[in-house]
Amino acid sequence: MIQLTEFDQPPSELPKPFSGQVIEARQLKDFISKALELKKQPLVIFGANWCPDAQCLEAVMKLVTVNKFVAQHYEVMRIDVGDYDQNMDLYKVFGMPSKEGIPRVIILDLKGKVLNLDSNDRWRAARETAPQEIFNYFQEFANQP
C-alpha cells in the first residue's frame, strides 16, 4: 500500500464538489462506458455539499498522493443527492435501493461490475476516519480486472 507523506496536507477549507446537477440514468451509464473505454475503473460518489462526511472524503481525495493515485486508476463522477430529493433513483443503476446516508462510494471493476456493494456506505463516517484508511480503501479496489 502506498503511504501518505508530509506533502499530503488537507486543504484549508473543506471542498464542496457537488454541483446540484440532476443526472439522468443514461448520463451515468455513458460515464461508466467511457471510463471502461479508457481502461479506468468507474468511481461514483453520491453526496452533497452540506454533508461533513462527504466534505471530509473529498478533502482526502484532494491530497496530492491520493489525487495522483485516483487519477491513474479511476474516472470519478460525483452525484449530488441534494436533500435526498434528487438523483436518488440512480442507485438502481447499480442494483441497489435508494438509501439516505452519504457519502456512498460505488467502485466498479474494468468489466463494469460493482465491487463494493457491501461497503459502499462505509464513508458515512469519513470525518472519524484517518486519511490513510480512506486511501487504503481506494487502493484495495484498484486494478480489479
N, C-alpha and C. Protein backbone atom coordinates (compact mmCIF):
# COMPACT_ATOMS: atom_id res chain seq x y z
N MET A 1 0.83 -1.18 0.00
CA MET A 1 0.00 0.00 0.00
C MET A 1 0.88 1.25 0.00
N ILE A 2 0.47 2.21 -0.77
CA ILE A 2 1.15 3.50 -0.79
C ILE A 2 0.77 4.26 0.48
N GLN A 3 1.77 4.88 1.09
CA GLN A 3 1.54 5.64 2.31
C GLN A 3 1.49 7.13 2.00
N LEU A 4 0.68 7.85 2.74
CA LEU A 4 0.64 9.29 2.63
C LEU A 4 1.95 9.87 3.16
N THR A 5 2.32 11.05 2.68
CA THR A 5 3.57 11.69 3.10
C THR A 5 3.28 13.06 3.72
N GLU A 6 4.35 13.74 4.11
CA GLU A 6 4.20 15.08 4.69
C GLU A 6 3.67 16.09 3.67
N PHE A 7 3.74 15.76 2.39
CA PHE A 7 3.21 16.64 1.36
C PHE A 7 1.68 16.56 1.25
N ASP A 8 1.11 15.57 1.88
CA ASP A 8 -0.34 15.36 1.82
C ASP A 8 -1.02 16.12 2.95
N GLN A 9 -1.19 17.40 2.73
CA GLN A 9 -1.82 18.27 3.70
C GLN A 9 -3.25 18.57 3.29
N PRO A 10 -4.17 18.55 4.23
CA PRO A 10 -5.56 18.82 3.88
C PRO A 10 -5.73 20.26 3.41
N PRO A 11 -6.73 20.51 2.57
CA PRO A 11 -6.98 21.88 2.12
C PRO A 11 -7.42 22.75 3.30
N SER A 12 -7.19 24.05 3.19
CA SER A 12 -7.54 24.95 4.29
C SER A 12 -9.06 25.03 4.49
N GLU A 13 -9.82 24.86 3.43
CA GLU A 13 -11.28 24.81 3.52
C GLU A 13 -11.75 23.46 2.99
N LEU A 14 -12.80 22.94 3.59
CA LEU A 14 -13.34 21.69 3.09
C LEU A 14 -13.96 21.91 1.72
N PRO A 15 -13.71 21.00 0.78
CA PRO A 15 -14.23 21.16 -0.57
C PRO A 15 -15.75 20.99 -0.64
N LYS A 16 -16.32 21.59 -1.66
CA LYS A 16 -17.76 21.47 -1.94
C LYS A 16 -17.89 21.11 -3.42
N PRO A 17 -17.67 19.83 -3.75
CA PRO A 17 -17.58 19.43 -5.16
C PRO A 17 -18.91 19.08 -5.84
N PHE A 18 -20.00 19.11 -5.09
CA PHE A 18 -21.27 18.68 -5.67
C PHE A 18 -21.99 19.86 -6.28
N SER A 19 -22.39 19.71 -7.54
CA SER A 19 -22.86 20.83 -8.35
C SER A 19 -24.36 21.10 -8.29
N GLY A 20 -25.12 20.19 -7.73
CA GLY A 20 -26.57 20.36 -7.73
C GLY A 20 -27.22 19.88 -9.01
N GLN A 21 -26.43 19.40 -9.94
CA GLN A 21 -26.94 18.97 -11.25
C GLN A 21 -27.76 17.69 -11.14
N VAL A 22 -28.87 17.66 -11.85
CA VAL A 22 -29.67 16.45 -11.95
C VAL A 22 -29.07 15.61 -13.07
N ILE A 23 -28.82 14.34 -12.77
CA ILE A 23 -28.19 13.41 -13.71
C ILE A 23 -29.23 12.38 -14.16
N GLU A 24 -29.27 12.13 -15.43
CA GLU A 24 -30.14 11.08 -15.97
C GLU A 24 -29.40 9.74 -15.91
N ALA A 25 -30.14 8.65 -15.82
CA ALA A 25 -29.54 7.32 -15.80
C ALA A 25 -28.66 7.11 -17.03
N ARG A 26 -29.09 7.63 -18.16
CA ARG A 26 -28.32 7.49 -19.40
C ARG A 26 -26.95 8.16 -19.26
N GLN A 27 -26.91 9.33 -18.61
CA GLN A 27 -25.64 10.04 -18.42
C GLN A 27 -24.69 9.22 -17.53
N LEU A 28 -25.23 8.62 -16.50
CA LEU A 28 -24.43 7.79 -15.62
C LEU A 28 -23.90 6.57 -16.38
N LYS A 29 -24.75 5.93 -17.15
CA LYS A 29 -24.31 4.76 -17.92
C LYS A 29 -23.27 5.16 -18.97
N ASP A 30 -23.43 6.34 -19.59
CA ASP A 30 -22.44 6.83 -20.55
C ASP A 30 -21.10 7.08 -19.87
N PHE A 31 -21.14 7.64 -18.66
CA PHE A 31 -19.91 7.86 -17.90
C PHE A 31 -19.20 6.53 -17.64
N ILE A 32 -19.95 5.53 -17.23
CA ILE A 32 -19.37 4.21 -16.96
C ILE A 32 -18.75 3.64 -18.22
N SER A 33 -19.46 3.70 -19.32
CA SER A 33 -18.93 3.18 -20.60
C SER A 33 -17.65 3.89 -21.00
N LYS A 34 -17.64 5.21 -20.88
CA LYS A 34 -16.47 5.98 -21.27
C LYS A 34 -15.27 5.64 -20.39
N ALA A 35 -15.50 5.49 -19.09
CA ALA A 35 -14.41 5.12 -18.18
C ALA A 35 -13.83 3.76 -18.57
N LEU A 36 -14.72 2.82 -18.87
CA LEU A 36 -14.25 1.48 -19.24
C LEU A 36 -13.47 1.52 -20.55
N GLU A 37 -13.90 2.35 -21.49
CA GLU A 37 -13.16 2.51 -22.75
C GLU A 37 -11.75 3.03 -22.49
N LEU A 38 -11.62 3.89 -21.48
CA LEU A 38 -10.32 4.45 -21.12
C LEU A 38 -9.48 3.48 -20.28
N LYS A 39 -10.05 2.29 -20.02
CA LYS A 39 -9.40 1.26 -19.19
C LYS A 39 -9.17 1.76 -17.76
N LYS A 40 -10.16 2.53 -17.28
CA LYS A 40 -10.14 3.00 -15.91
C LYS A 40 -11.40 2.53 -15.22
N GLN A 41 -11.29 2.35 -13.92
CA GLN A 41 -12.44 1.90 -13.15
C GLN A 41 -13.36 3.08 -12.86
N PRO A 42 -14.66 2.91 -13.09
CA PRO A 42 -15.60 3.96 -12.72
C PRO A 42 -15.72 4.04 -11.20
N LEU A 43 -15.70 5.24 -10.69
CA LEU A 43 -15.84 5.53 -9.27
C LEU A 43 -16.92 6.60 -9.15
N VAL A 44 -18.03 6.24 -8.51
CA VAL A 44 -19.17 7.14 -8.40
C VAL A 44 -19.38 7.47 -6.93
N ILE A 45 -19.45 8.77 -6.65
CA ILE A 45 -19.64 9.22 -5.27
C ILE A 45 -20.96 9.96 -5.18
N PHE A 46 -21.87 9.43 -4.37
CA PHE A 46 -23.13 10.10 -4.07
C PHE A 46 -22.89 10.94 -2.82
N GLY A 47 -23.22 12.22 -2.89
CA GLY A 47 -23.01 13.09 -1.74
C GLY A 47 -23.73 14.41 -1.88
N ALA A 48 -23.39 15.34 -1.01
CA ALA A 48 -23.95 16.68 -1.04
C ALA A 48 -23.00 17.61 -0.28
N ASN A 49 -22.97 18.86 -0.67
CA ASN A 49 -22.05 19.82 -0.04
C ASN A 49 -22.37 20.10 1.42
N TRP A 50 -23.59 19.86 1.86
CA TRP A 50 -23.96 20.11 3.25
C TRP A 50 -23.46 19.02 4.20
N CYS A 51 -22.99 17.91 3.65
CA CYS A 51 -22.61 16.75 4.46
C CYS A 51 -21.13 16.82 4.87
N PRO A 52 -20.84 16.90 6.17
CA PRO A 52 -19.44 16.97 6.60
C PRO A 52 -18.63 15.72 6.25
N ASP A 53 -19.27 14.56 6.21
CA ASP A 53 -18.53 13.35 5.85
C ASP A 53 -18.17 13.36 4.36
N ALA A 54 -19.08 13.85 3.52
CA ALA A 54 -18.77 13.97 2.09
C ALA A 54 -17.64 14.97 1.88
N GLN A 55 -17.66 16.05 2.64
CA GLN A 55 -16.59 17.04 2.53
C GLN A 55 -15.26 16.46 3.00
N CYS A 56 -15.26 15.70 4.07
CA CYS A 56 -14.02 15.08 4.57
C CYS A 56 -13.47 14.08 3.57
N LEU A 57 -14.35 13.26 2.99
CA LEU A 57 -13.92 12.31 1.97
C LEU A 57 -13.27 13.06 0.81
N GLU A 58 -13.89 14.13 0.36
CA GLU A 58 -13.35 14.92 -0.75
C GLU A 58 -12.02 15.57 -0.38
N ALA A 59 -11.88 15.99 0.87
CA ALA A 59 -10.61 16.57 1.30
C ALA A 59 -9.49 15.54 1.19
N VAL A 60 -9.76 14.31 1.57
CA VAL A 60 -8.76 13.25 1.44
C VAL A 60 -8.45 13.01 -0.03
N MET A 61 -9.47 13.03 -0.88
CA MET A 61 -9.25 12.80 -2.30
C MET A 61 -8.41 13.91 -2.94
N LYS A 62 -8.37 15.08 -2.33
CA LYS A 62 -7.56 16.18 -2.84
C LYS A 62 -6.10 16.12 -2.38
N LEU A 63 -5.78 15.25 -1.43
CA LEU A 63 -4.39 15.10 -1.02
C LEU A 63 -3.56 14.69 -2.24
N VAL A 64 -2.36 15.22 -2.35
CA VAL A 64 -1.53 15.02 -3.54
C VAL A 64 -1.40 13.55 -3.91
N THR A 65 -1.01 12.72 -2.98
CA THR A 65 -0.78 11.30 -3.26
C THR A 65 -2.08 10.60 -3.66
N VAL A 66 -3.16 10.89 -2.96
CA VAL A 66 -4.45 10.26 -3.26
C VAL A 66 -4.96 10.72 -4.63
N ASN A 67 -4.87 12.01 -4.88
CA ASN A 67 -5.34 12.57 -6.14
C ASN A 67 -4.60 11.94 -7.33
N LYS A 68 -3.31 11.81 -7.20
CA LYS A 68 -2.49 11.20 -8.27
C LYS A 68 -2.90 9.74 -8.48
N PHE A 69 -3.05 9.01 -7.40
CA PHE A 69 -3.42 7.59 -7.48
C PHE A 69 -4.80 7.43 -8.12
N VAL A 70 -5.76 8.20 -7.66
CA VAL A 70 -7.13 8.10 -8.18
C VAL A 70 -7.13 8.44 -9.68
N ALA A 71 -6.40 9.47 -10.08
CA ALA A 71 -6.35 9.85 -11.49
C ALA A 71 -5.76 8.74 -12.37
N GLN A 72 -4.83 7.97 -11.83
CA GLN A 72 -4.21 6.88 -12.59
C GLN A 72 -5.15 5.69 -12.76
N HIS A 73 -6.00 5.44 -11.78
CA HIS A 73 -6.79 4.20 -11.76
C HIS A 73 -8.28 4.37 -12.02
N TYR A 74 -8.80 5.54 -11.72
CA TYR A 74 -10.25 5.72 -11.74
C TYR A 74 -10.68 6.91 -12.61
N GLU A 75 -11.91 6.85 -13.06
CA GLU A 75 -12.63 8.02 -13.56
C GLU A 75 -13.70 8.27 -12.52
N VAL A 76 -13.83 9.51 -12.08
CA VAL A 76 -14.71 9.84 -10.96
C VAL A 76 -15.91 10.66 -11.43
N MET A 77 -17.08 10.27 -10.93
CA MET A 77 -18.29 11.06 -11.13
C MET A 77 -18.91 11.31 -9.76
N ARG A 78 -19.20 12.57 -9.50
CA ARG A 78 -19.86 12.95 -8.26
C ARG A 78 -21.32 13.24 -8.55
N ILE A 79 -22.19 12.65 -7.76
CA ILE A 79 -23.63 12.80 -7.95
C ILE A 79 -24.23 13.44 -6.70
N ASP A 80 -24.82 14.61 -6.90
CA ASP A 80 -25.41 15.38 -5.82
C ASP A 80 -26.81 14.86 -5.52
N VAL A 81 -27.04 14.46 -4.28
CA VAL A 81 -28.37 13.96 -3.90
C VAL A 81 -29.23 15.05 -3.28
N GLY A 82 -28.72 16.29 -3.25
CA GLY A 82 -29.47 17.39 -2.65
C GLY A 82 -29.82 17.07 -1.21
N ASP A 83 -31.07 17.27 -0.86
CA ASP A 83 -31.57 16.90 0.47
C ASP A 83 -32.30 15.56 0.37
N TYR A 84 -31.67 14.63 -0.32
CA TYR A 84 -32.25 13.32 -0.64
C TYR A 84 -33.49 13.49 -1.51
N ASP A 85 -33.47 14.54 -2.34
CA ASP A 85 -34.61 14.80 -3.20
C ASP A 85 -34.24 14.86 -4.68
N GLN A 86 -33.00 14.48 -5.02
CA GLN A 86 -32.61 14.42 -6.43
C GLN A 86 -31.60 13.29 -6.64
N ASN A 87 -31.63 12.74 -7.81
CA ASN A 87 -30.69 11.70 -8.24
C ASN A 87 -30.75 10.42 -7.41
N MET A 88 -31.73 10.28 -6.55
CA MET A 88 -31.82 9.09 -5.69
C MET A 88 -32.15 7.83 -6.51
N ASP A 89 -32.81 8.01 -7.63
CA ASP A 89 -33.16 6.85 -8.47
C ASP A 89 -31.94 6.23 -9.14
N LEU A 90 -30.81 6.93 -9.14
CA LEU A 90 -29.61 6.43 -9.81
C LEU A 90 -28.98 5.25 -9.08
N TYR A 91 -29.33 5.05 -7.83
CA TYR A 91 -28.83 3.86 -7.12
C TYR A 91 -29.26 2.59 -7.84
N LYS A 92 -30.42 2.64 -8.50
CA LYS A 92 -30.94 1.47 -9.22
C LYS A 92 -30.01 1.01 -10.33
N VAL A 93 -29.25 1.93 -10.90
CA VAL A 93 -28.28 1.58 -11.95
C VAL A 93 -27.30 0.53 -11.43
N PHE A 94 -27.06 0.56 -10.13
CA PHE A 94 -26.11 -0.37 -9.51
C PHE A 94 -26.81 -1.54 -8.83
N GLY A 95 -28.11 -1.65 -9.03
CA GLY A 95 -28.86 -2.77 -8.46
C GLY A 95 -29.08 -2.65 -6.97
N MET A 96 -29.13 -1.43 -6.48
CA MET A 96 -29.35 -1.24 -5.05
C MET A 96 -30.50 -0.26 -4.83
N PRO A 97 -31.20 -0.40 -3.72
CA PRO A 97 -32.29 0.54 -3.43
C PRO A 97 -31.72 1.90 -3.05
N SER A 98 -32.50 2.95 -3.28
CA SER A 98 -32.04 4.27 -2.89
C SER A 98 -32.12 4.37 -1.37
N LYS A 99 -31.06 4.91 -0.78
CA LYS A 99 -30.96 5.00 0.67
C LYS A 99 -30.41 6.35 1.05
N GLU A 100 -30.85 6.85 2.19
CA GLU A 100 -30.25 8.05 2.73
C GLU A 100 -28.95 7.64 3.41
N GLY A 101 -28.15 8.63 3.71
CA GLY A 101 -26.84 8.38 4.31
C GLY A 101 -25.77 8.52 3.26
N ILE A 102 -24.97 9.57 3.37
CA ILE A 102 -23.93 9.83 2.39
C ILE A 102 -22.64 10.20 3.12
N PRO A 103 -21.52 10.12 2.45
CA PRO A 103 -21.36 9.74 1.06
C PRO A 103 -21.44 8.22 0.87
N ARG A 104 -21.83 7.87 -0.32
CA ARG A 104 -21.80 6.47 -0.75
C ARG A 104 -20.86 6.41 -1.94
N VAL A 105 -19.92 5.49 -1.87
CA VAL A 105 -18.89 5.34 -2.90
C VAL A 105 -19.12 4.02 -3.61
N ILE A 106 -19.32 4.10 -4.92
CA ILE A 106 -19.53 2.91 -5.73
C ILE A 106 -18.30 2.73 -6.63
N ILE A 107 -17.65 1.58 -6.51
CA ILE A 107 -16.46 1.28 -7.32
C ILE A 107 -16.77 0.09 -8.21
N LEU A 108 -16.51 0.26 -9.51
CA LEU A 108 -16.75 -0.81 -10.47
C LEU A 108 -15.41 -1.36 -10.96
N ASP A 109 -15.43 -2.62 -11.40
CA ASP A 109 -14.23 -3.19 -11.99
C ASP A 109 -14.17 -2.80 -13.47
N LEU A 110 -13.17 -3.30 -14.17
CA LEU A 110 -12.97 -2.94 -15.57
C LEU A 110 -13.96 -3.62 -16.52
N LYS A 111 -14.86 -4.41 -15.95
CA LYS A 111 -15.93 -5.02 -16.75
C LYS A 111 -17.27 -4.36 -16.43
N GLY A 112 -17.27 -3.40 -15.50
CA GLY A 112 -18.49 -2.69 -15.15
C GLY A 112 -19.28 -3.31 -14.02
N LYS A 113 -18.68 -4.23 -13.29
CA LYS A 113 -19.36 -4.88 -12.15
C LYS A 113 -19.02 -4.15 -10.86
N VAL A 114 -20.04 -3.90 -10.03
CA VAL A 114 -19.82 -3.23 -8.74
C VAL A 114 -19.01 -4.14 -7.82
N LEU A 115 -17.95 -3.58 -7.26
CA LEU A 115 -17.06 -4.35 -6.40
C LEU A 115 -17.38 -4.21 -4.92
N ASN A 116 -17.96 -3.10 -4.53
CA ASN A 116 -18.07 -2.80 -3.10
C ASN A 116 -19.51 -2.58 -2.65
N LEU A 117 -20.42 -3.38 -3.15
CA LEU A 117 -21.83 -3.23 -2.79
C LEU A 117 -22.03 -3.34 -1.28
N ASP A 118 -21.24 -4.18 -0.63
CA ASP A 118 -21.42 -4.40 0.81
C ASP A 118 -20.76 -3.34 1.68
N SER A 119 -19.95 -2.46 1.09
CA SER A 119 -19.27 -1.45 1.91
C SER A 119 -19.37 -0.04 1.32
N ASN A 120 -20.32 0.17 0.41
CA ASN A 120 -20.41 1.48 -0.25
C ASN A 120 -20.80 2.60 0.71
N ASP A 121 -21.33 2.27 1.87
CA ASP A 121 -21.73 3.30 2.83
C ASP A 121 -20.68 3.52 3.92
N ARG A 122 -19.54 2.91 3.77
CA ARG A 122 -18.50 2.94 4.81
C ARG A 122 -18.05 4.36 5.15
N TRP A 123 -18.08 5.27 4.19
CA TRP A 123 -17.52 6.60 4.42
C TRP A 123 -18.54 7.59 4.96
N ARG A 124 -19.69 7.06 5.39
CA ARG A 124 -20.66 7.91 6.09
C ARG A 124 -20.08 8.40 7.41
N ALA A 125 -18.96 7.84 7.80
CA ALA A 125 -18.23 8.28 9.00
C ALA A 125 -16.82 8.73 8.62
N ALA A 126 -16.68 9.34 7.45
CA ALA A 126 -15.36 9.75 6.96
C ALA A 126 -14.66 10.72 7.91
N ARG A 127 -15.41 11.58 8.55
CA ARG A 127 -14.78 12.58 9.44
C ARG A 127 -14.18 11.93 10.68
N GLU A 128 -14.53 10.68 10.95
CA GLU A 128 -13.98 9.96 12.09
C GLU A 128 -12.91 8.95 11.67
N THR A 129 -12.48 9.04 10.42
CA THR A 129 -11.57 8.05 9.85
C THR A 129 -10.27 8.71 9.42
N ALA A 130 -9.16 8.03 9.67
CA ALA A 130 -7.86 8.55 9.27
C ALA A 130 -7.75 8.61 7.75
N PRO A 131 -7.13 9.66 7.22
CA PRO A 131 -6.96 9.76 5.77
C PRO A 131 -6.30 8.53 5.15
N GLN A 132 -5.31 7.94 5.84
CA GLN A 132 -4.65 6.76 5.28
C GLN A 132 -5.63 5.61 5.12
N GLU A 133 -6.55 5.44 6.06
CA GLU A 133 -7.53 4.36 5.97
C GLU A 133 -8.45 4.57 4.76
N ILE A 134 -8.85 5.80 4.51
CA ILE A 134 -9.68 6.10 3.34
C ILE A 134 -8.88 5.80 2.07
N PHE A 135 -7.64 6.24 2.02
CA PHE A 135 -6.79 5.99 0.85
C PHE A 135 -6.59 4.50 0.64
N ASN A 136 -6.38 3.75 1.70
CA ASN A 136 -6.21 2.30 1.58
C ASN A 136 -7.42 1.64 0.92
N TYR A 137 -8.60 2.15 1.22
CA TYR A 137 -9.83 1.61 0.63
C TYR A 137 -9.78 1.74 -0.90
N PHE A 138 -9.41 2.90 -1.39
CA PHE A 138 -9.32 3.10 -2.84
C PHE A 138 -8.22 2.23 -3.44
N GLN A 139 -7.14 2.04 -2.72
CA GLN A 139 -6.06 1.18 -3.22
C GLN A 139 -6.50 -0.28 -3.27
N GLU A 140 -7.27 -0.69 -2.28
CA GLU A 140 -7.73 -2.08 -2.19
C GLU A 140 -8.54 -2.49 -3.43
N PHE A 141 -9.33 -1.57 -3.96
CA PHE A 141 -10.21 -1.91 -5.08
C PHE A 141 -9.61 -1.56 -6.44
N ALA A 142 -8.46 -0.92 -6.47
CA ALA A 142 -7.85 -0.53 -7.74
C ALA A 142 -7.32 -1.74 -8.50
N ASN A 143 -7.31 -1.62 -9.80
CA ASN A 143 -6.78 -2.66 -10.71
C ASN A 143 -7.54 -3.96 -10.64
N GLN A 144 -8.82 -3.90 -10.37
CA GLN A 144 -9.64 -5.10 -10.39
C GLN A 144 -10.04 -5.38 -11.85
N PRO A 145 -9.68 -6.56 -12.36
CA PRO A 145 -9.98 -6.87 -13.78
C PRO A 145 -11.46 -6.97 -14.07
